[in-house]
Amino acid sequence: MAHKIPPAESSAEASSPVDASEWRRTIELPSERGASRLIMEDLLEQLGVHGWSPSDIFAIHLAAEEAIVNAIMHGNKFDPAKVVQVACVVSPTLARIEVTDEGAGFSPAAVPDCRLDERLEAPSGRGVMLMKTFMTRIEYNARGNRVLMEKQRPPAEG
């Protein structure tokens, strides 16, 4: 069952800048394929507005997409009664993305290393490694249904 996309000015999706140098947005996404598009365009635009380099934007995009897809697919198991909450903060020196699903959670330490010979052709299992590789900081809550990712960069010299 497809969910209707609420209008951008909906209170559930309101952007709330704390000041001119920071953008914040929290949104609830339906547990369906392609739902990440409801936040990704704005996130990528704000990374550009805040002066992030194309390589950093690529890294953050990949990590955020992986986290959201994992939450929808593995966490909520595409259950239409469940949502994924995404909270973003973007400034010139910090990109912070928190993704929470309503699933049972998982143990990140139990995810097999996708670089092992026997895992090289496995259809899944690379997302956690990619998120760790591309972000400065990644933390899971104890239950394993929320991931906090940050990418930091030094302030521009001027």
N, C-alpha and C. Protein backbone atom coordinates (compact mmCIF):
# COMPACT_ATOMS: atom_id res chain seq x y z
N MET A 1 0.84 -1.17 0.00
CA MET A 1 0.00 0.00 0.00
C MET A 1 0.88 1.23 0.00
N ALA A 2 0.76 2.06 -0.97
CA ALA A 2 1.59 3.25 -1.08
C ALA A 2 1.03 4.36 -0.20
N HIS A 3 1.94 5.08 0.44
CA HIS A 3 1.54 6.22 1.27
C HIS A 3 1.56 7.47 0.42
N LYS A 4 0.62 8.35 0.69
CA LYS A 4 0.62 9.64 0.00
C LYS A 4 1.76 10.48 0.55
N ILE A 5 2.40 11.20 -0.30
CA ILE A 5 3.47 12.08 0.11
C ILE A 5 2.85 13.36 0.63
N PRO A 6 3.09 13.69 1.92
CA PRO A 6 2.51 14.92 2.44
C PRO A 6 3.19 16.13 1.83
N PRO A 7 2.50 17.28 1.79
CA PRO A 7 3.12 18.48 1.23
C PRO A 7 4.32 18.90 2.06
N ALA A 8 5.28 19.55 1.43
CA ALA A 8 6.52 19.93 2.08
C ALA A 8 6.31 20.82 3.28
N GLU A 9 5.23 21.59 3.29
CA GLU A 9 5.02 22.50 4.42
C GLU A 9 4.33 21.83 5.60
N SER A 10 4.11 20.52 5.53
CA SER A 10 3.49 19.78 6.62
C SER A 10 4.32 19.94 7.89
N SER A 11 3.63 20.04 9.03
CA SER A 11 4.34 20.23 10.30
C SER A 11 5.25 19.05 10.62
N ALA A 12 4.92 17.86 10.16
CA ALA A 12 5.77 16.70 10.42
C ALA A 12 7.09 16.79 9.69
N GLU A 13 7.19 17.66 8.71
CA GLU A 13 8.41 17.76 7.92
C GLU A 13 9.05 19.14 8.02
N ALA A 14 8.60 19.95 8.90
CA ALA A 14 9.05 21.35 8.92
C ALA A 14 10.55 21.47 9.11
N SER A 15 11.16 22.30 8.31
CA SER A 15 12.56 22.65 8.50
C SER A 15 12.59 23.71 9.58
N SER A 16 13.55 23.61 10.49
CA SER A 16 13.61 24.59 11.57
C SER A 16 15.04 25.05 11.79
N PRO A 17 15.48 26.02 11.01
CA PRO A 17 16.85 26.49 11.20
C PRO A 17 17.00 27.15 12.56
N VAL A 18 18.07 26.77 13.29
CA VAL A 18 18.34 27.37 14.58
C VAL A 18 18.96 28.74 14.36
N ASP A 19 19.83 28.83 13.38
CA ASP A 19 20.36 30.11 12.96
C ASP A 19 20.74 29.97 11.50
N ALA A 20 21.28 31.01 10.92
CA ALA A 20 21.56 31.00 9.48
C ALA A 20 22.61 29.97 9.10
N SER A 21 23.41 29.50 10.07
CA SER A 21 24.48 28.57 9.71
C SER A 21 24.11 27.12 9.97
N GLU A 22 22.85 26.84 10.34
CA GLU A 22 22.46 25.47 10.63
C GLU A 22 21.06 25.18 10.09
N TRP A 23 20.90 23.99 9.48
CA TRP A 23 19.60 23.54 8.97
C TRP A 23 19.23 22.27 9.73
N ARG A 24 17.98 22.17 10.13
CA ARG A 24 17.49 20.98 10.82
C ARG A 24 16.20 20.52 10.17
N ARG A 25 16.04 19.21 10.14
CA ARG A 25 14.78 18.66 9.64
C ARG A 25 14.56 17.29 10.25
N THR A 26 13.33 17.04 10.66
CA THR A 26 12.91 15.73 11.15
C THR A 26 11.70 15.32 10.33
N ILE A 27 11.69 14.06 9.92
CA ILE A 27 10.60 13.56 9.08
C ILE A 27 10.35 12.10 9.41
N GLU A 28 9.09 11.69 9.31
CA GLU A 28 8.74 10.28 9.42
C GLU A 28 8.50 9.75 8.01
N LEU A 29 9.22 8.68 7.69
CA LEU A 29 9.11 8.08 6.36
C LEU A 29 8.29 6.80 6.44
N PRO A 30 7.49 6.53 5.41
CA PRO A 30 6.78 5.25 5.37
C PRO A 30 7.77 4.12 5.12
N SER A 31 7.41 2.93 5.54
CA SER A 31 8.29 1.76 5.37
C SER A 31 8.06 1.13 4.00
N GLU A 32 8.47 1.86 2.98
CA GLU A 32 8.30 1.37 1.61
C GLU A 32 9.53 1.75 0.77
N ARG A 33 9.74 0.99 -0.28
CA ARG A 33 10.87 1.26 -1.18
C ARG A 33 10.79 2.69 -1.71
N GLY A 34 11.94 3.34 -1.77
CA GLY A 34 12.01 4.68 -2.34
C GLY A 34 11.64 5.79 -1.39
N ALA A 35 11.29 5.49 -0.16
CA ALA A 35 10.85 6.53 0.78
C ALA A 35 11.97 7.52 1.11
N SER A 36 13.21 7.13 0.96
CA SER A 36 14.31 8.04 1.29
C SER A 36 14.28 9.31 0.44
N ARG A 37 13.64 9.24 -0.72
CA ARG A 37 13.57 10.42 -1.59
C ARG A 37 12.87 11.59 -0.90
N LEU A 38 12.04 11.29 0.12
CA LEU A 38 11.29 12.33 0.81
C LEU A 38 12.17 13.24 1.65
N ILE A 39 13.41 12.82 1.94
CA ILE A 39 14.34 13.65 2.70
C ILE A 39 15.64 13.91 1.93
N MET A 40 16.01 12.99 1.07
CA MET A 40 17.34 13.03 0.47
C MET A 40 17.60 14.28 -0.37
N GLU A 41 16.64 14.71 -1.17
CA GLU A 41 16.86 15.89 -2.01
C GLU A 41 17.17 17.12 -1.17
N ASP A 42 16.39 17.33 -0.10
CA ASP A 42 16.63 18.48 0.78
C ASP A 42 17.97 18.37 1.49
N LEU A 43 18.31 17.16 1.96
CA LEU A 43 19.58 16.96 2.64
C LEU A 43 20.75 17.29 1.72
N LEU A 44 20.72 16.77 0.51
CA LEU A 44 21.81 17.01 -0.44
C LEU A 44 21.89 18.49 -0.80
N GLU A 45 20.74 19.13 -0.99
CA GLU A 45 20.73 20.56 -1.29
C GLU A 45 21.36 21.36 -0.15
N GLN A 46 21.01 21.03 1.07
CA GLN A 46 21.54 21.77 2.21
C GLN A 46 23.04 21.54 2.41
N LEU A 47 23.52 20.35 2.09
CA LEU A 47 24.97 20.10 2.15
C LEU A 47 25.68 21.04 1.17
N GLY A 48 25.13 21.21 -0.02
CA GLY A 48 25.70 22.14 -1.00
C GLY A 48 25.63 23.58 -0.53
N VAL A 49 24.47 23.98 0.01
CA VAL A 49 24.29 25.34 0.51
C VAL A 49 25.32 25.66 1.60
N HIS A 50 25.63 24.66 2.42
CA HIS A 50 26.56 24.85 3.53
C HIS A 50 28.02 24.60 3.14
N GLY A 51 28.28 24.45 1.85
CA GLY A 51 29.65 24.41 1.35
C GLY A 51 30.39 23.09 1.45
N TRP A 52 29.67 21.99 1.58
CA TRP A 52 30.33 20.69 1.63
C TRP A 52 30.83 20.33 0.23
N SER A 53 31.96 19.65 0.18
CA SER A 53 32.56 19.27 -1.10
C SER A 53 31.75 18.15 -1.76
N PRO A 54 31.87 18.02 -3.08
CA PRO A 54 31.17 16.92 -3.76
C PRO A 54 31.52 15.54 -3.19
N SER A 55 32.77 15.31 -2.81
CA SER A 55 33.13 13.99 -2.26
C SER A 55 32.49 13.77 -0.89
N ASP A 56 32.40 14.82 -0.07
CA ASP A 56 31.72 14.68 1.22
C ASP A 56 30.23 14.48 1.02
N ILE A 57 29.63 15.18 0.08
CA ILE A 57 28.20 15.03 -0.21
C ILE A 57 27.92 13.60 -0.67
N PHE A 58 28.78 13.05 -1.51
CA PHE A 58 28.63 11.66 -1.96
C PHE A 58 28.66 10.72 -0.77
N ALA A 59 29.65 10.91 0.12
CA ALA A 59 29.82 10.03 1.29
C ALA A 59 28.60 10.09 2.21
N ILE A 60 28.13 11.29 2.49
CA ILE A 60 26.98 11.47 3.38
C ILE A 60 25.72 10.89 2.74
N HIS A 61 25.55 11.12 1.45
CA HIS A 61 24.41 10.57 0.71
C HIS A 61 24.39 9.05 0.81
N LEU A 62 25.52 8.42 0.55
CA LEU A 62 25.61 6.97 0.59
C LEU A 62 25.29 6.44 1.98
N ALA A 63 25.88 7.04 3.01
CA ALA A 63 25.64 6.58 4.38
C ALA A 63 24.19 6.76 4.79
N ALA A 64 23.60 7.92 4.48
CA ALA A 64 22.20 8.18 4.84
C ALA A 64 21.27 7.21 4.11
N GLU A 65 21.52 7.01 2.84
CA GLU A 65 20.69 6.09 2.05
C GLU A 65 20.76 4.68 2.62
N GLU A 66 21.96 4.22 2.95
CA GLU A 66 22.13 2.88 3.53
C GLU A 66 21.37 2.75 4.84
N ALA A 67 21.49 3.76 5.71
CA ALA A 67 20.83 3.70 7.01
C ALA A 67 19.31 3.66 6.85
N ILE A 68 18.77 4.48 5.95
CA ILE A 68 17.32 4.52 5.75
C ILE A 68 16.82 3.22 5.13
N VAL A 69 17.51 2.73 4.11
CA VAL A 69 17.10 1.47 3.47
C VAL A 69 17.17 0.32 4.48
N ASN A 70 18.23 0.27 5.29
CA ASN A 70 18.33 -0.79 6.30
C ASN A 70 17.18 -0.70 7.29
N ALA A 71 16.81 0.51 7.71
CA ALA A 71 15.72 0.69 8.66
C ALA A 71 14.39 0.22 8.08
N ILE A 72 14.14 0.56 6.83
CA ILE A 72 12.90 0.16 6.17
C ILE A 72 12.86 -1.35 5.93
N MET A 73 13.95 -1.88 5.37
CA MET A 73 13.97 -3.28 4.95
C MET A 73 14.20 -4.24 6.13
N HIS A 74 15.27 -4.03 6.88
CA HIS A 74 15.63 -4.97 7.94
C HIS A 74 14.94 -4.64 9.26
N GLY A 75 14.82 -3.36 9.57
CA GLY A 75 14.19 -2.96 10.84
C GLY A 75 12.69 -3.13 10.81
N ASN A 76 12.04 -2.39 9.93
CA ASN A 76 10.57 -2.41 9.86
C ASN A 76 10.01 -3.49 8.94
N LYS A 77 10.87 -4.14 8.20
CA LYS A 77 10.48 -5.24 7.30
C LYS A 77 9.32 -4.84 6.38
N PHE A 78 9.39 -3.60 5.88
CA PHE A 78 8.38 -3.05 4.96
C PHE A 78 6.97 -3.04 5.55
N ASP A 79 6.85 -3.07 6.87
CA ASP A 79 5.54 -3.07 7.53
C ASP A 79 4.90 -1.69 7.35
N PRO A 80 3.77 -1.60 6.65
CA PRO A 80 3.15 -0.30 6.40
C PRO A 80 2.64 0.39 7.67
N ALA A 81 2.53 -0.34 8.77
CA ALA A 81 2.08 0.26 10.03
C ALA A 81 3.24 0.93 10.78
N LYS A 82 4.46 0.72 10.30
CA LYS A 82 5.64 1.27 10.98
C LYS A 82 6.27 2.39 10.15
N VAL A 83 6.92 3.32 10.84
CA VAL A 83 7.60 4.43 10.17
C VAL A 83 9.07 4.43 10.56
N VAL A 84 9.85 5.16 9.77
CA VAL A 84 11.26 5.41 10.06
C VAL A 84 11.39 6.90 10.30
N GLN A 85 11.94 7.26 11.44
CA GLN A 85 12.15 8.67 11.75
C GLN A 85 13.59 9.04 11.38
N VAL A 86 13.72 10.14 10.65
CA VAL A 86 15.03 10.64 10.24
C VAL A 86 15.16 12.07 10.74
N ALA A 87 16.23 12.34 11.45
CA ALA A 87 16.51 13.69 11.95
C ALA A 87 17.87 14.12 11.40
N CYS A 88 17.90 15.28 10.75
CA CYS A 88 19.12 15.77 10.12
C CYS A 88 19.50 17.14 10.68
N VAL A 89 20.78 17.36 10.80
CA VAL A 89 21.33 18.68 11.11
C VAL A 89 22.48 18.89 10.15
N VAL A 90 22.51 20.03 9.49
CA VAL A 90 23.61 20.36 8.58
C VAL A 90 24.10 21.76 8.91
N SER A 91 25.39 21.88 9.09
CA SER A 91 26.05 23.18 9.27
C SER A 91 27.30 23.17 8.40
N PRO A 92 28.05 24.25 8.36
CA PRO A 92 29.28 24.23 7.55
C PRO A 92 30.33 23.23 8.04
N THR A 93 30.23 22.80 9.31
CA THR A 93 31.26 21.91 9.85
C THR A 93 30.74 20.56 10.32
N LEU A 94 29.42 20.34 10.31
CA LEU A 94 28.86 19.10 10.81
C LEU A 94 27.64 18.68 10.02
N ALA A 95 27.61 17.40 9.65
CA ALA A 95 26.40 16.78 9.10
C ALA A 95 26.06 15.65 10.05
N ARG A 96 24.84 15.69 10.59
CA ARG A 96 24.40 14.71 11.58
C ARG A 96 23.09 14.12 11.12
N ILE A 97 23.02 12.79 11.05
CA ILE A 97 21.82 12.11 10.59
C ILE A 97 21.52 11.00 11.60
N GLU A 98 20.30 11.00 12.09
CA GLU A 98 19.87 9.98 13.03
C GLU A 98 18.67 9.27 12.41
N VAL A 99 18.74 7.94 12.34
CA VAL A 99 17.70 7.14 11.71
C VAL A 99 17.21 6.12 12.73
N THR A 100 15.89 6.14 12.99
CA THR A 100 15.29 5.25 13.98
C THR A 100 14.15 4.48 13.33
N ASP A 101 14.16 3.16 13.51
CA ASP A 101 13.05 2.35 13.00
C ASP A 101 12.27 1.78 14.19
N GLU A 102 11.17 1.11 13.89
CA GLU A 102 10.32 0.54 14.93
C GLU A 102 10.49 -0.97 15.03
N GLY A 103 11.59 -1.47 14.49
CA GLY A 103 11.85 -2.91 14.53
C GLY A 103 12.47 -3.37 15.83
N ALA A 104 12.78 -4.65 15.88
CA ALA A 104 13.34 -5.27 17.09
C ALA A 104 14.78 -4.85 17.35
N GLY A 105 15.46 -4.34 16.34
CA GLY A 105 16.86 -3.96 16.48
C GLY A 105 17.79 -5.09 16.09
N PHE A 106 19.09 -4.80 16.14
CA PHE A 106 20.10 -5.79 15.79
C PHE A 106 21.40 -5.44 16.51
N SER A 107 22.34 -6.37 16.47
CA SER A 107 23.64 -6.13 17.06
C SER A 107 24.64 -5.84 15.94
N PRO A 108 25.11 -4.60 15.83
CA PRO A 108 26.07 -4.28 14.76
C PRO A 108 27.32 -5.15 14.81
N ALA A 109 27.72 -5.57 16.00
CA ALA A 109 28.91 -6.42 16.14
C ALA A 109 28.69 -7.81 15.53
N ALA A 110 27.44 -8.22 15.40
CA ALA A 110 27.13 -9.54 14.85
C ALA A 110 27.07 -9.56 13.33
N VAL A 111 27.17 -8.39 12.68
CA VAL A 111 27.14 -8.34 11.22
C VAL A 111 28.47 -8.88 10.69
N PRO A 112 28.43 -9.92 9.85
CA PRO A 112 29.67 -10.51 9.35
C PRO A 112 30.44 -9.52 8.46
N ASP A 113 31.75 -9.65 8.48
CA ASP A 113 32.62 -8.79 7.68
C ASP A 113 32.40 -9.12 6.20
N CYS A 114 31.92 -8.15 5.46
CA CYS A 114 31.59 -8.37 4.04
C CYS A 114 32.83 -8.53 3.17
N ARG A 115 34.02 -8.29 3.75
CA ARG A 115 35.25 -8.42 2.97
C ARG A 115 35.82 -9.84 3.02
N LEU A 116 35.23 -10.72 3.84
CA LEU A 116 35.68 -12.10 3.90
C LEU A 116 35.36 -12.81 2.59
N ASP A 117 36.24 -13.73 2.18
CA ASP A 117 36.04 -14.43 0.91
C ASP A 117 34.65 -15.03 0.78
N GLU A 118 34.15 -15.66 1.84
CA GLU A 118 32.84 -16.31 1.76
C GLU A 118 31.68 -15.31 1.72
N ARG A 119 31.95 -14.03 1.95
CA ARG A 119 30.89 -13.01 1.94
C ARG A 119 30.96 -12.08 0.72
N LEU A 120 31.97 -12.26 -0.12
CA LEU A 120 32.17 -11.33 -1.23
C LEU A 120 31.00 -11.27 -2.21
N GLU A 121 30.30 -12.37 -2.38
CA GLU A 121 29.18 -12.39 -3.32
C GLU A 121 27.82 -12.37 -2.63
N ALA A 122 27.81 -12.14 -1.32
CA ALA A 122 26.55 -12.06 -0.58
C ALA A 122 25.77 -10.83 -1.07
N PRO A 123 24.45 -10.95 -1.20
CA PRO A 123 23.66 -9.84 -1.74
C PRO A 123 23.48 -8.67 -0.78
N SER A 124 23.79 -8.86 0.50
CA SER A 124 23.65 -7.76 1.46
C SER A 124 24.77 -7.83 2.48
N GLY A 125 24.80 -6.83 3.36
CA GLY A 125 25.80 -6.85 4.42
C GLY A 125 26.90 -5.81 4.28
N ARG A 126 26.81 -4.95 3.28
CA ARG A 126 27.86 -3.95 3.08
C ARG A 126 27.52 -2.59 3.67
N GLY A 127 26.25 -2.36 3.96
CA GLY A 127 25.80 -1.05 4.40
C GLY A 127 26.46 -0.56 5.67
N VAL A 128 26.55 -1.41 6.68
CA VAL A 128 27.16 -1.01 7.95
C VAL A 128 28.62 -0.62 7.73
N MET A 129 29.35 -1.41 6.94
CA MET A 129 30.75 -1.09 6.67
C MET A 129 30.88 0.24 5.91
N LEU A 130 30.03 0.46 4.93
CA LEU A 130 30.08 1.70 4.17
C LEU A 130 29.79 2.91 5.06
N MET A 131 28.80 2.78 5.94
CA MET A 131 28.48 3.87 6.85
C MET A 131 29.68 4.18 7.75
N LYS A 132 30.32 3.15 8.28
CA LYS A 132 31.50 3.36 9.14
C LYS A 132 32.64 4.00 8.36
N THR A 133 32.80 3.60 7.11
CA THR A 133 33.90 4.10 6.29
C THR A 133 33.73 5.57 5.94
N PHE A 134 32.51 5.97 5.60
CA PHE A 134 32.28 7.32 5.08
C PHE A 134 31.97 8.39 6.13
N MET A 135 31.62 7.98 7.34
CA MET A 135 31.24 8.96 8.36
C MET A 135 32.34 9.05 9.42
N THR A 136 32.43 10.19 10.07
CA THR A 136 33.41 10.42 11.12
C THR A 136 33.04 9.63 12.38
N ARG A 137 31.76 9.57 12.67
CA ARG A 137 31.27 8.91 13.89
C ARG A 137 29.99 8.16 13.56
N ILE A 138 29.86 6.96 14.13
CA ILE A 138 28.64 6.18 13.97
C ILE A 138 28.38 5.45 15.28
N GLU A 139 27.16 5.59 15.79
CA GLU A 139 26.79 4.95 17.05
C GLU A 139 25.39 4.36 16.93
N TYR A 140 25.21 3.22 17.57
CA TYR A 140 23.90 2.58 17.63
C TYR A 140 23.40 2.64 19.07
N ASN A 141 22.09 2.70 19.24
CA ASN A 141 21.56 2.59 20.60
C ASN A 141 21.64 1.13 21.05
N ALA A 142 21.38 0.88 22.33
CA ALA A 142 21.52 -0.47 22.89
C ALA A 142 20.60 -1.47 22.20
N ARG A 143 19.41 -1.05 21.85
CA ARG A 143 18.45 -1.95 21.19
C ARG A 143 18.87 -2.26 19.76
N GLY A 144 19.59 -1.34 19.11
CA GLY A 144 20.02 -1.57 17.74
C GLY A 144 18.99 -1.15 16.71
N ASN A 145 18.08 -0.26 17.08
CA ASN A 145 17.09 0.22 16.10
C ASN A 145 17.27 1.71 15.80
N ARG A 146 18.36 2.29 16.28
CA ARG A 146 18.66 3.69 15.98
C ARG A 146 20.15 3.83 15.72
N VAL A 147 20.48 4.54 14.63
CA VAL A 147 21.87 4.82 14.31
C VAL A 147 22.04 6.33 14.24
N LEU A 148 23.11 6.80 14.83
CA LEU A 148 23.49 8.21 14.78
C LEU A 148 24.79 8.27 13.99
N MET A 149 24.78 9.07 12.93
CA MET A 149 25.98 9.22 12.09
C MET A 149 26.35 10.69 12.02
N GLU A 150 27.64 10.96 12.08
CA GLU A 150 28.11 12.33 11.93
C GLU A 150 29.31 12.36 11.00
N LYS A 151 29.38 13.42 10.25
CA LYS A 151 30.58 13.70 9.46
C LYS A 151 30.99 15.11 9.86
N GLN A 152 32.23 15.25 10.29
CA GLN A 152 32.74 16.55 10.71
C GLN A 152 33.82 16.98 9.74
N ARG A 153 33.92 18.28 9.61
CA ARG A 153 35.02 18.82 8.81
C ARG A 153 35.51 20.08 9.51
N PRO A 154 36.76 20.38 9.36
CA PRO A 154 37.29 21.58 10.02
C PRO A 154 36.68 22.83 9.42
N PRO A 155 36.56 23.89 10.22
CA PRO A 155 36.02 25.14 9.67
C PRO A 155 36.92 25.66 8.54
N ALA A 156 36.30 26.34 7.58
CA ALA A 156 37.07 26.92 6.48
C ALA A 156 37.99 28.01 7.01
N GLU A 157 39.18 28.03 6.45
CA GLU A 157 40.13 29.06 6.87
C GLU A 157 39.88 30.31 6.05
N GLY A 158 39.99 31.43 6.71
CA GLY A 158 39.72 32.64 5.97
C GLY A 158 40.42 33.75 6.51
